[in-house]
Amino acid sequence: MDGQVIASPHYYHHAQRVFEVVDRLRGKAQQLFDAANVLRKHQADESLPFGERSRAAILIEEANELAKEHLDLADRLIRDH
């Protein structure tokens, strides 16, 4: 980007908005990773019924996948803007 584009208030505001969205996506991804860690405790708790532990395993995988998608989107937003 040339200096004139960066200095433009319009592009500055746009870039600021992109980074706000990126920060939110990263925050949501961290929340999903944290939830997956909590679910790992349920998965490992042998006092819980097998079905509940099995469901925890599925939710762990889904949370991790969704978190990674959030991070991929954040990376694409930064790269494209």
Protein backbone atom coordinates (compact mmCIF):
# COMPACT_ATOMS: atom_id res chain seq x y z
CA MET A 1 0.00 0.00 0.00
CA ASP A 2 1.29 3.46 -0.73
CA GLY A 3 1.46 6.16 1.95
CA GLN A 4 -1.56 8.03 0.55
CA VAL A 5 -3.85 5.05 1.00
CA ILE A 6 -2.72 4.50 4.58
CA ALA A 7 -3.17 8.21 5.37
CA SER A 8 -6.73 8.26 4.03
CA PRO A 9 -9.25 8.41 6.90
CA HIS A 10 -11.55 6.06 4.96
CA TYR A 11 -8.91 3.35 4.62
CA TYR A 12 -7.68 3.88 8.16
CA HIS A 13 -11.23 3.38 9.48
CA HIS A 14 -11.63 0.30 7.27
CA ALA A 15 -8.34 -1.18 8.52
CA GLN A 16 -9.31 -0.42 12.11
CA ARG A 17 -12.63 -2.21 11.62
CA VAL A 18 -10.90 -5.24 10.09
CA PHE A 19 -8.59 -5.53 13.09
CA GLU A 20 -11.53 -5.20 15.50
CA VAL A 21 -13.24 -8.10 13.73
CA VAL A 22 -10.00 -10.09 13.77
CA ASP A 23 -9.65 -9.51 17.52
CA ARG A 24 -13.23 -10.71 18.09
CA LEU A 25 -12.65 -13.81 15.95
CA ARG A 26 -9.50 -14.62 17.88
CA GLY A 27 -11.32 -14.08 21.17
CA LYS A 28 -14.11 -16.42 20.12
CA ALA A 29 -11.56 -19.00 18.99
CA GLN A 30 -9.90 -18.82 22.41
CA GLN A 31 -13.28 -19.32 24.10
CA LEU A 32 -13.87 -22.40 21.95
CA PHE A 33 -10.44 -23.82 22.80
CA ASP A 34 -11.16 -23.17 26.50
CA ALA A 35 -14.52 -24.93 26.21
CA ALA A 36 -12.80 -27.90 24.56
CA ASN A 37 -10.41 -28.09 27.50
CA VAL A 38 -13.31 -28.16 29.97
CA LEU A 39 -14.97 -30.88 27.92
CA ARG A 40 -11.76 -32.92 28.03
CA LYS A 41 -12.21 -33.16 31.80
CA HIS A 42 -15.72 -34.55 31.26
CA GLN A 43 -14.42 -36.96 28.66
CA ALA A 44 -11.80 -38.27 31.09
CA ASP A 45 -14.21 -38.53 34.04
CA GLU A 46 -14.90 -42.25 34.27
CA SER A 47 -17.69 -41.68 36.79
CA LEU A 48 -19.82 -40.19 34.00
CA PRO A 49 -21.89 -42.42 31.73
CA PHE A 50 -20.24 -43.58 28.52
CA GLY A 51 -22.75 -41.66 26.39
CA GLU A 52 -21.90 -38.39 28.11
CA ARG A 53 -18.17 -38.96 27.70
CA SER A 54 -18.71 -39.88 24.06
CA ARG A 55 -20.73 -36.72 23.47
CA ALA A 56 -17.93 -34.69 25.11
CA ALA A 57 -15.47 -36.18 22.61
CA ILE A 58 -17.68 -35.09 19.70
CA LEU A 59 -18.09 -31.59 21.14
CA ILE A 60 -14.33 -31.29 21.67
CA GLU A 61 -13.73 -32.04 18.01
CA GLU A 62 -16.45 -29.60 16.91
CA ALA A 63 -15.16 -26.82 19.20
CA ASN A 64 -11.60 -27.25 17.95
CA GLU A 65 -12.73 -27.29 14.33
CA LEU A 66 -14.84 -24.16 14.75
CA ALA A 67 -12.01 -22.39 16.59
CA LYS A 68 -9.62 -23.20 13.76
CA GLU A 69 -12.14 -21.86 11.24
CA HIS A 70 -12.33 -18.61 13.22
CA LEU A 71 -8.53 -18.33 13.15
CA ASP A 72 -8.40 -19.12 9.42
CA LEU A 73 -10.96 -16.40 8.75
CA ALA A 74 -8.99 -13.92 10.87
CA ASP A 75 -5.84 -14.75 8.90
CA ARG A 76 -7.68 -14.28 5.59
CA LEU A 77 -9.07 -10.92 6.69
CA ILE A 78 -5.61 -9.68 7.61
CA ARG A 79 -4.04 -11.03 4.42
CA ASP A 80 -6.75 -9.59 2.16
CA HIS A 81 -6.81 -6.16 3.75
